[in-house]
């Protein structure tokens, strides 16, 4: 697969897997409990906890919801209870890239706004793959803004070609996905909005 090479500022994805297990066990939840809450299989969750690669963001978000934590808690080097806060300020140098993996296909992405508890929005940067991996659907609304490159965006049965500066706001209950066109991965600013807060 051709495309842009990323710098070595990627997050250690073993940290994410370890945090999932640490938070699950601290809540005295079994893998079966987590499976029942997420709709994922016990075997798949066991593989996630033992993997050196993080699952797709949508899966992480589902797991975080079942654990009653912010998804960004899974990225923290010292995962634990989140504290109240009215503002979170981030620096580019602190952003960490989570790379897609061959066995748990998804997007390269960087979580933004990490550490803000009780939020309705999940902002992040994604680098879209070069082929359609799967269609996603979930409660809420979503906003894409293409920062770089070109993207073929699929929404239900409709396809859109998007270029830098193009943007789309949509109901995320409709199946949606996209992939990069050309030789470099499209870079997107993505914001997911949840109608109701599902984190404590």
Protein backbone atom coordinates (compact mmCIF):
# COMPACT_ATOMS: atom_id res chain seq x y z
CA UNK A 1 0.00 0.00 0.00
CA UNK A 2 1.48 3.33 -1.03
CA UNK A 3 0.93 6.61 0.75
CA UNK A 4 2.26 9.09 3.27
CA UNK A 5 4.68 7.87 5.89
CA UNK A 6 3.92 9.01 9.41
CA UNK A 7 6.44 10.17 11.99
CA UNK A 8 7.33 8.05 15.02
CA UNK A 9 4.92 9.84 17.38
CA UNK A 10 2.47 6.94 17.42
CA UNK A 11 0.95 5.78 20.68
CA UNK A 12 2.05 2.45 22.14
CA UNK A 13 -1.10 0.51 21.34
CA UNK A 14 -0.30 -2.13 23.97
CA UNK A 15 -1.18 0.61 26.46
CA UNK A 16 -4.75 0.72 25.13
CA UNK A 17 -5.19 -3.06 25.39
CA UNK A 18 -3.73 -3.04 28.89
CA UNK A 19 -6.01 -0.23 30.00
CA UNK A 20 -9.08 -2.09 28.78
CA UNK A 21 -8.16 -5.10 30.90
CA UNK A 22 -7.10 -2.97 33.89
CA UNK A 23 -10.35 -0.98 33.94
CA UNK A 24 -12.47 -4.09 33.33
CA UNK A 25 -10.89 -6.01 36.20
CA UNK A 26 -11.01 -2.98 38.52
CA UNK A 27 -14.78 -2.94 37.97
CA UNK A 28 -14.90 -6.69 38.70
CA UNK A 29 -16.27 -7.37 35.22
CA UNK A 30 -15.60 -10.65 33.45
CA UNK A 31 -14.92 -10.85 29.73
CA UNK A 32 -18.41 -12.30 29.38
CA UNK A 33 -19.87 -9.28 31.20
CA UNK A 34 -18.09 -6.98 28.77
CA UNK A 35 -19.22 -9.10 25.83
CA UNK A 36 -22.84 -8.89 26.98
CA UNK A 37 -22.61 -5.08 27.27
CA UNK A 38 -20.87 -4.48 23.94
CA UNK A 39 -22.40 -7.15 21.72
CA UNK A 40 -18.87 -8.31 20.87
CA UNK A 41 -17.79 -11.89 21.44
CA UNK A 42 -15.82 -12.98 24.48
CA UNK A 43 -13.15 -14.41 22.17
CA UNK A 44 -12.78 -11.16 20.25
CA UNK A 45 -12.49 -9.12 23.47
CA UNK A 46 -9.90 -11.53 24.81
CA UNK A 47 -7.92 -11.03 21.59
CA UNK A 48 -8.22 -7.25 21.96
CA UNK A 49 -6.85 -7.35 25.51
CA UNK A 50 -3.88 -9.48 24.41
CA UNK A 51 -3.18 -7.65 21.15
CA UNK A 52 -0.32 -5.27 20.38
CA UNK A 53 -2.72 -3.39 18.07
CA UNK A 54 -5.71 -1.25 18.97
CA UNK A 55 -9.11 -2.09 17.46
CA UNK A 56 -10.97 0.45 15.30
CA UNK A 57 -12.10 3.64 17.00
CA UNK A 58 -15.76 2.64 16.77
CA UNK A 59 -14.98 -0.57 18.69
CA UNK A 60 -12.97 1.32 21.32
CA UNK A 61 -15.87 3.70 21.77
CA UNK A 62 -18.27 0.78 22.28
CA UNK A 63 -15.92 -0.80 24.85
CA UNK A 64 -15.46 2.52 26.67
CA UNK A 65 -19.23 2.94 26.89
CA UNK A 66 -19.60 -0.53 28.38
CA UNK A 67 -16.88 0.30 30.93
CA UNK A 68 -18.57 3.66 31.71
CA UNK A 69 -15.45 5.70 30.93
CA UNK A 70 -14.45 8.26 28.33
CA UNK A 71 -12.87 6.61 25.31
CA UNK A 72 -9.81 8.83 25.81
CA UNK A 73 -9.28 7.21 29.23
CA UNK A 74 -8.13 4.14 27.30
CA UNK A 75 -5.24 6.18 25.88
CA UNK A 76 -3.92 7.46 29.22
CA UNK A 77 -0.65 6.15 30.58
CA UNK A 78 -2.21 6.27 34.05
CA UNK A 79 -5.77 5.18 33.41
CA UNK A 80 -8.04 5.82 36.34
CA UNK A 81 -11.09 7.85 37.41
CA UNK A 82 -11.63 11.01 35.42
CA UNK A 83 -11.96 14.31 37.25
CA UNK A 84 -14.27 17.25 36.69
CA UNK A 85 -13.01 19.91 34.36
CA UNK A 86 -14.53 22.66 32.25
CA UNK A 87 -11.70 22.93 29.72
CA UNK A 88 -9.01 20.74 28.19
CA UNK A 89 -6.15 22.33 26.24
CA UNK A 90 -4.06 20.19 23.92
CA UNK A 91 -0.74 20.66 22.14
CA UNK A 92 0.15 19.13 18.80
CA UNK A 93 3.38 17.70 20.23
CA UNK A 94 1.35 15.63 22.69
CA UNK A 95 -0.98 14.10 20.08
CA UNK A 96 -0.45 10.39 19.48
CA UNK A 97 -1.36 8.48 16.33
CA UNK A 98 -3.09 5.12 16.55
CA UNK A 99 -2.29 3.14 13.41
CA UNK A 100 -4.62 0.76 11.61
CA UNK A 101 -3.71 -2.90 11.86
CA UNK A 102 -4.06 -5.67 9.31
CA UNK A 103 -5.97 -8.02 11.62
CA UNK A 104 -8.24 -5.36 13.17
CA UNK A 105 -8.80 -3.15 10.15
CA UNK A 106 -9.75 0.47 10.67
CA UNK A 107 -8.34 3.96 10.33
CA UNK A 108 -5.18 5.65 11.53
CA UNK A 109 -6.47 8.25 13.98
CA UNK A 110 -5.54 10.78 16.64
CA UNK A 111 -7.95 11.49 19.51
CA UNK A 112 -8.46 15.20 20.27
CA UNK A 113 -9.80 16.79 23.44
CA UNK A 114 -8.55 13.93 25.60
CA UNK A 115 -9.35 14.25 29.28
CA UNK A 116 -12.58 16.25 29.09
CA UNK A 117 -15.16 14.30 31.15
CA UNK A 118 -18.87 14.05 30.41
CA UNK A 119 -18.67 15.42 26.89
CA UNK A 120 -21.17 14.86 24.11
CA UNK A 121 -18.63 15.34 21.31
CA UNK A 122 -15.73 13.08 20.28
CA UNK A 123 -13.30 15.01 18.03
CA UNK A 124 -10.40 13.32 16.28
CA UNK A 125 -8.23 13.30 13.16
CA UNK A 126 -8.40 10.29 10.87
CA UNK A 127 -6.35 9.11 7.92
CA UNK A 128 -8.72 7.14 5.71
CA UNK A 129 -7.60 3.76 4.30
CA UNK A 130 -7.29 3.13 0.56
CA UNK A 131 -10.21 0.70 0.41
CA UNK A 132 -13.66 0.46 1.97
CA UNK A 133 -13.16 -1.53 5.18
CA UNK A 134 -16.72 -1.64 6.55
CA UNK A 135 -19.80 0.52 7.01
CA UNK A 136 -20.41 2.13 10.41
CA UNK A 137 -23.64 3.14 12.10
CA UNK A 138 -24.23 4.46 15.61
CA UNK A 139 -26.39 6.82 17.62
CA UNK A 140 -25.78 10.54 17.14
CA UNK A 141 -24.52 12.90 14.47
CA UNK A 142 -21.17 13.24 12.73
CA UNK A 143 -19.17 15.93 10.94
CA UNK A 144 -16.30 15.40 8.45
CA UNK A 145 -13.99 18.15 7.16
CA UNK A 146 -11.38 17.12 4.59
CA UNK A 147 -8.06 18.73 5.52
CA UNK A 148 -5.88 17.02 2.91
CA UNK A 149 -6.31 14.62 0.00
CA UNK A 150 -9.44 13.19 -1.60
CA UNK A 151 -12.08 10.89 -0.13
CA UNK A 152 -14.88 8.75 -1.52
CA UNK A 153 -17.58 9.04 1.14
CA UNK A 154 -20.37 6.45 1.29
CA UNK A 155 -23.63 7.36 3.03
CA UNK A 156 -26.34 4.76 2.75
CA UNK A 157 -26.57 4.00 -0.96
CA UNK A 158 -25.07 7.34 -2.03
CA UNK A 159 -21.41 8.07 -2.84
CA UNK A 160 -19.71 11.48 -2.72
CA UNK A 161 -16.24 12.49 -3.89
CA UNK A 162 -14.75 14.94 -1.39
CA UNK A 163 -11.65 17.13 -1.71
CA UNK A 164 -9.72 19.38 0.67
CA UNK A 165 -12.11 21.98 2.10
CA UNK A 166 -15.23 19.88 1.52
CA UNK A 167 -17.29 18.94 4.55
CA UNK A 168 -20.38 16.92 5.45
CA UNK A 169 -22.70 16.80 8.48
CA UNK A 170 -24.91 13.72 8.76
CA UNK A 171 -27.09 11.46 10.90
CA UNK A 172 -24.69 8.69 11.93
CA UNK A 173 -27.48 6.13 12.34
CA UNK A 174 -27.29 5.75 8.55
CA UNK A 175 -24.49 3.34 7.47
CA UNK A 176 -21.45 5.37 6.44
CA UNK A 177 -17.77 5.03 5.62
CA UNK A 178 -15.15 6.22 3.18
CA UNK A 179 -11.74 5.61 1.66
CA UNK A 180 -8.87 7.64 0.24
CA UNK A 181 -8.52 8.33 -3.47
CA UNK A 182 -5.10 8.80 -5.05
CA UNK A 183 -1.66 8.00 -3.66
CA UNK A 184 -1.88 9.66 -0.23
CA UNK A 185 -4.29 9.08 2.62
CA UNK A 186 -7.01 11.68 3.06
CA UNK A 187 -6.70 13.52 6.38
CA UNK A 188 -10.03 14.40 8.01
CA UNK A 189 -11.19 16.34 11.03
CA UNK A 190 -14.07 14.27 12.42
CA UNK A 191 -16.46 15.16 15.23
CA UNK A 192 -18.99 12.65 16.55
CA UNK A 193 -21.85 14.04 18.63
CA UNK A 194 -23.83 11.84 21.00
CA UNK A 195 -27.41 12.83 21.84
CA UNK A 196 -27.02 11.66 25.41
CA UNK A 197 -23.94 11.33 27.53
CA UNK A 198 -23.13 7.68 28.03
CA UNK A 199 -20.04 8.16 30.17
CA UNK A 200 -19.65 8.84 33.88
